[in-house]
Amino acid sequence: MTSFNINLNVTTKVETISDVALEISRLKVTIGILLAKLPPEQRDSFIADLKGVGLNEEASLYSNFNPKI
């Protein structure tokens, strides 16, 4: 698995937990769309890396953005 050391600062204006949940959902969709733009081998590797660190639910979610033709 490839690893990167990345510092990411995300800011948003939220007032409720509901707003936080909405922002997280939007972020997941954004990541999925970016994932779909990668070549198939990189998408497969990304999903395998998620499974490799025990994030099976997330791997399943992002598999929806990995179409197999």
N, C-alpha and C. Protein backbone atom coordinates (compact mmCIF):
# COMPACT_ATOMS: atom_id res chain seq x y z
N MET A 1 0.84 -1.17 0.00
CA MET A 1 0.00 0.00 0.00
C MET A 1 0.90 1.24 0.00
N THR A 2 0.57 2.17 -0.84
CA THR A 2 1.27 3.44 -0.90
C THR A 2 0.79 4.31 0.25
N SER A 3 1.72 5.00 0.89
CA SER A 3 1.28 5.91 1.95
C SER A 3 1.82 7.30 1.67
N PHE A 4 1.06 8.27 2.08
CA PHE A 4 1.42 9.67 1.89
C PHE A 4 1.23 10.39 3.22
N ASN A 5 2.04 11.39 3.45
CA ASN A 5 1.92 12.22 4.63
C ASN A 5 1.28 13.53 4.18
N ILE A 6 -0.01 13.70 4.44
CA ILE A 6 -0.75 14.85 3.95
C ILE A 6 -1.40 15.57 5.12
N ASN A 7 -1.24 16.88 5.13
CA ASN A 7 -1.95 17.71 6.10
C ASN A 7 -3.08 18.40 5.35
N LEU A 8 -4.29 18.24 5.85
CA LEU A 8 -5.46 18.79 5.18
C LEU A 8 -6.29 19.56 6.20
N ASN A 9 -6.54 20.81 5.90
CA ASN A 9 -7.40 21.62 6.75
C ASN A 9 -8.68 21.91 5.99
N VAL A 10 -9.79 21.50 6.57
CA VAL A 10 -11.09 21.72 5.95
C VAL A 10 -11.90 22.60 6.89
N THR A 11 -12.49 23.64 6.34
CA THR A 11 -13.33 24.49 7.17
C THR A 11 -14.72 24.59 6.54
N THR A 12 -15.68 24.71 7.38
CA THR A 12 -17.06 24.89 6.92
C THR A 12 -17.83 25.55 8.06
N LYS A 13 -18.91 26.18 7.71
CA LYS A 13 -19.74 26.81 8.72
C LYS A 13 -20.96 25.93 8.95
N VAL A 14 -21.02 25.33 10.12
CA VAL A 14 -22.15 24.48 10.47
C VAL A 14 -22.67 24.91 11.83
N GLU A 15 -23.94 24.67 12.03
CA GLU A 15 -24.56 25.05 13.30
C GLU A 15 -25.10 23.85 14.06
N THR A 16 -25.36 22.76 13.35
CA THR A 16 -25.94 21.59 14.00
C THR A 16 -25.22 20.33 13.55
N ILE A 17 -25.45 19.25 14.28
CA ILE A 17 -24.90 17.94 13.90
C ILE A 17 -25.46 17.53 12.54
N SER A 18 -26.66 17.92 12.26
CA SER A 18 -27.28 17.63 10.96
C SER A 18 -26.48 18.28 9.83
N ASP A 19 -26.05 19.51 10.06
CA ASP A 19 -25.22 20.20 9.08
C ASP A 19 -23.89 19.48 8.87
N VAL A 20 -23.31 18.97 9.95
CA VAL A 20 -22.05 18.23 9.86
C VAL A 20 -22.26 16.96 9.03
N ALA A 21 -23.34 16.25 9.29
CA ALA A 21 -23.63 15.02 8.54
C ALA A 21 -23.79 15.32 7.06
N LEU A 22 -24.45 16.42 6.73
CA LEU A 22 -24.63 16.82 5.34
C LEU A 22 -23.28 17.12 4.69
N GLU A 23 -22.42 17.84 5.38
CA GLU A 23 -21.10 18.16 4.84
C GLU A 23 -20.26 16.90 4.63
N ILE A 24 -20.34 15.96 5.55
CA ILE A 24 -19.60 14.69 5.40
C ILE A 24 -20.13 13.92 4.20
N SER A 25 -21.43 13.90 4.02
CA SER A 25 -22.02 13.22 2.86
C SER A 25 -21.55 13.84 1.56
N ARG A 26 -21.51 15.15 1.51
CA ARG A 26 -21.03 15.84 0.31
C ARG A 26 -19.57 15.52 0.04
N LEU A 27 -18.78 15.45 1.09
CA LEU A 27 -17.36 15.12 0.94
C LEU A 27 -17.18 13.71 0.40
N LYS A 28 -17.99 12.76 0.90
CA LYS A 28 -17.92 11.38 0.41
C LYS A 28 -18.25 11.31 -1.08
N VAL A 29 -19.27 12.04 -1.50
CA VAL A 29 -19.65 12.03 -2.92
C VAL A 29 -18.53 12.66 -3.76
N THR A 30 -17.95 13.74 -3.27
CA THR A 30 -16.85 14.39 -3.98
C THR A 30 -15.68 13.44 -4.15
N ILE A 31 -15.32 12.73 -3.10
CA ILE A 31 -14.23 11.74 -3.18
C ILE A 31 -14.60 10.65 -4.18
N GLY A 32 -15.83 10.20 -4.15
CA GLY A 32 -16.27 9.17 -5.09
C GLY A 32 -16.18 9.62 -6.53
N ILE A 33 -16.56 10.85 -6.80
CA ILE A 33 -16.48 11.37 -8.17
C ILE A 33 -15.02 11.47 -8.61
N LEU A 34 -14.15 11.93 -7.73
CA LEU A 34 -12.71 11.97 -8.06
C LEU A 34 -12.18 10.56 -8.30
N LEU A 35 -12.60 9.62 -7.48
CA LEU A 35 -12.18 8.22 -7.64
C LEU A 35 -12.61 7.68 -9.00
N ALA A 36 -13.81 8.01 -9.43
CA ALA A 36 -14.32 7.51 -10.71
C ALA A 36 -13.51 8.04 -11.89
N LYS A 37 -12.82 9.15 -11.70
CA LYS A 37 -12.01 9.72 -12.78
C LYS A 37 -10.63 9.07 -12.89
N LEU A 38 -10.25 8.26 -11.89
CA LEU A 38 -8.96 7.58 -11.94
C LEU A 38 -9.02 6.39 -12.90
N PRO A 39 -7.86 5.95 -13.39
CA PRO A 39 -7.83 4.73 -14.19
C PRO A 39 -8.29 3.53 -13.35
N PRO A 40 -8.84 2.50 -13.98
CA PRO A 40 -9.38 1.35 -13.24
C PRO A 40 -8.39 0.72 -12.26
N GLU A 41 -7.13 0.63 -12.63
CA GLU A 41 -6.14 0.01 -11.73
C GLU A 41 -5.98 0.81 -10.45
N GLN A 42 -6.00 2.14 -10.57
CA GLN A 42 -5.86 2.98 -9.38
C GLN A 42 -7.11 2.93 -8.51
N ARG A 43 -8.28 2.83 -9.14
CA ARG A 43 -9.51 2.69 -8.35
C ARG A 43 -9.47 1.38 -7.57
N ASP A 44 -9.08 0.30 -8.25
CA ASP A 44 -9.00 -1.00 -7.58
C ASP A 44 -8.01 -0.96 -6.42
N SER A 45 -6.88 -0.30 -6.64
CA SER A 45 -5.85 -0.20 -5.60
C SER A 45 -6.35 0.60 -4.40
N PHE A 46 -7.06 1.70 -4.66
CA PHE A 46 -7.62 2.54 -3.61
C PHE A 46 -8.58 1.72 -2.74
N ILE A 47 -9.45 0.97 -3.38
CA ILE A 47 -10.44 0.16 -2.66
C ILE A 47 -9.74 -0.96 -1.90
N ALA A 48 -8.73 -1.58 -2.50
CA ALA A 48 -7.97 -2.63 -1.81
C ALA A 48 -7.24 -2.06 -0.60
N ASP A 49 -6.72 -0.85 -0.71
CA ASP A 49 -6.05 -0.21 0.43
C ASP A 49 -7.03 0.03 1.58
N LEU A 50 -8.25 0.46 1.25
CA LEU A 50 -9.26 0.65 2.30
C LEU A 50 -9.54 -0.67 3.02
N LYS A 51 -9.71 -1.74 2.24
CA LYS A 51 -9.94 -3.06 2.84
C LYS A 51 -8.74 -3.49 3.66
N GLY A 52 -7.55 -3.17 3.18
CA GLY A 52 -6.32 -3.57 3.86
C GLY A 52 -6.16 -2.98 5.25
N VAL A 53 -6.77 -1.83 5.49
CA VAL A 53 -6.70 -1.22 6.82
C VAL A 53 -8.00 -1.40 7.59
N GLY A 54 -8.85 -2.33 7.11
CA GLY A 54 -10.06 -2.68 7.84
C GLY A 54 -11.25 -1.77 7.61
N LEU A 55 -11.19 -0.94 6.58
CA LEU A 55 -12.31 -0.04 6.29
C LEU A 55 -13.21 -0.67 5.23
N ASN A 56 -13.79 -1.82 5.57
CA ASN A 56 -14.59 -2.58 4.61
C ASN A 56 -15.87 -1.86 4.21
N GLU A 57 -16.50 -1.18 5.15
CA GLU A 57 -17.74 -0.45 4.83
C GLU A 57 -17.45 0.68 3.84
N GLU A 58 -16.34 1.38 4.06
CA GLU A 58 -15.95 2.45 3.16
C GLU A 58 -15.57 1.90 1.79
N ALA A 59 -14.87 0.75 1.78
CA ALA A 59 -14.50 0.11 0.52
C ALA A 59 -15.76 -0.24 -0.27
N SER A 60 -16.76 -0.72 0.42
CA SER A 60 -18.03 -1.06 -0.24
C SER A 60 -18.69 0.19 -0.81
N LEU A 61 -18.67 1.27 -0.05
CA LEU A 61 -19.24 2.54 -0.50
C LEU A 61 -18.56 3.00 -1.78
N TYR A 62 -17.23 3.02 -1.78
CA TYR A 62 -16.50 3.55 -2.93
C TYR A 62 -16.48 2.57 -4.10
N SER A 63 -16.82 1.32 -3.88
CA SER A 63 -16.96 0.37 -4.99
C SER A 63 -18.09 0.80 -5.93
N ASN A 64 -19.04 1.56 -5.40
CA ASN A 64 -20.12 2.09 -6.24
C ASN A 64 -19.61 3.07 -7.28
N PHE A 65 -18.44 3.66 -7.04
CA PHE A 65 -17.85 4.61 -7.97
C PHE A 65 -16.79 3.93 -8.85
N ASN A 66 -16.77 2.60 -8.85
CA ASN A 66 -15.78 1.83 -9.60
C ASN A 66 -16.51 0.89 -10.56
N PRO A 67 -17.07 1.47 -11.63
CA PRO A 67 -17.85 0.64 -12.55
C PRO A 67 -17.00 -0.40 -13.26
N LYS A 68 -17.55 -1.58 -13.39
CA LYS A 68 -16.88 -2.67 -14.12
C LYS A 68 -17.68 -2.90 -15.40
N ILE A 69 -17.05 -2.62 -16.51
CA ILE A 69 -17.74 -2.76 -17.81
C ILE A 69 -17.46 -4.13 -18.38
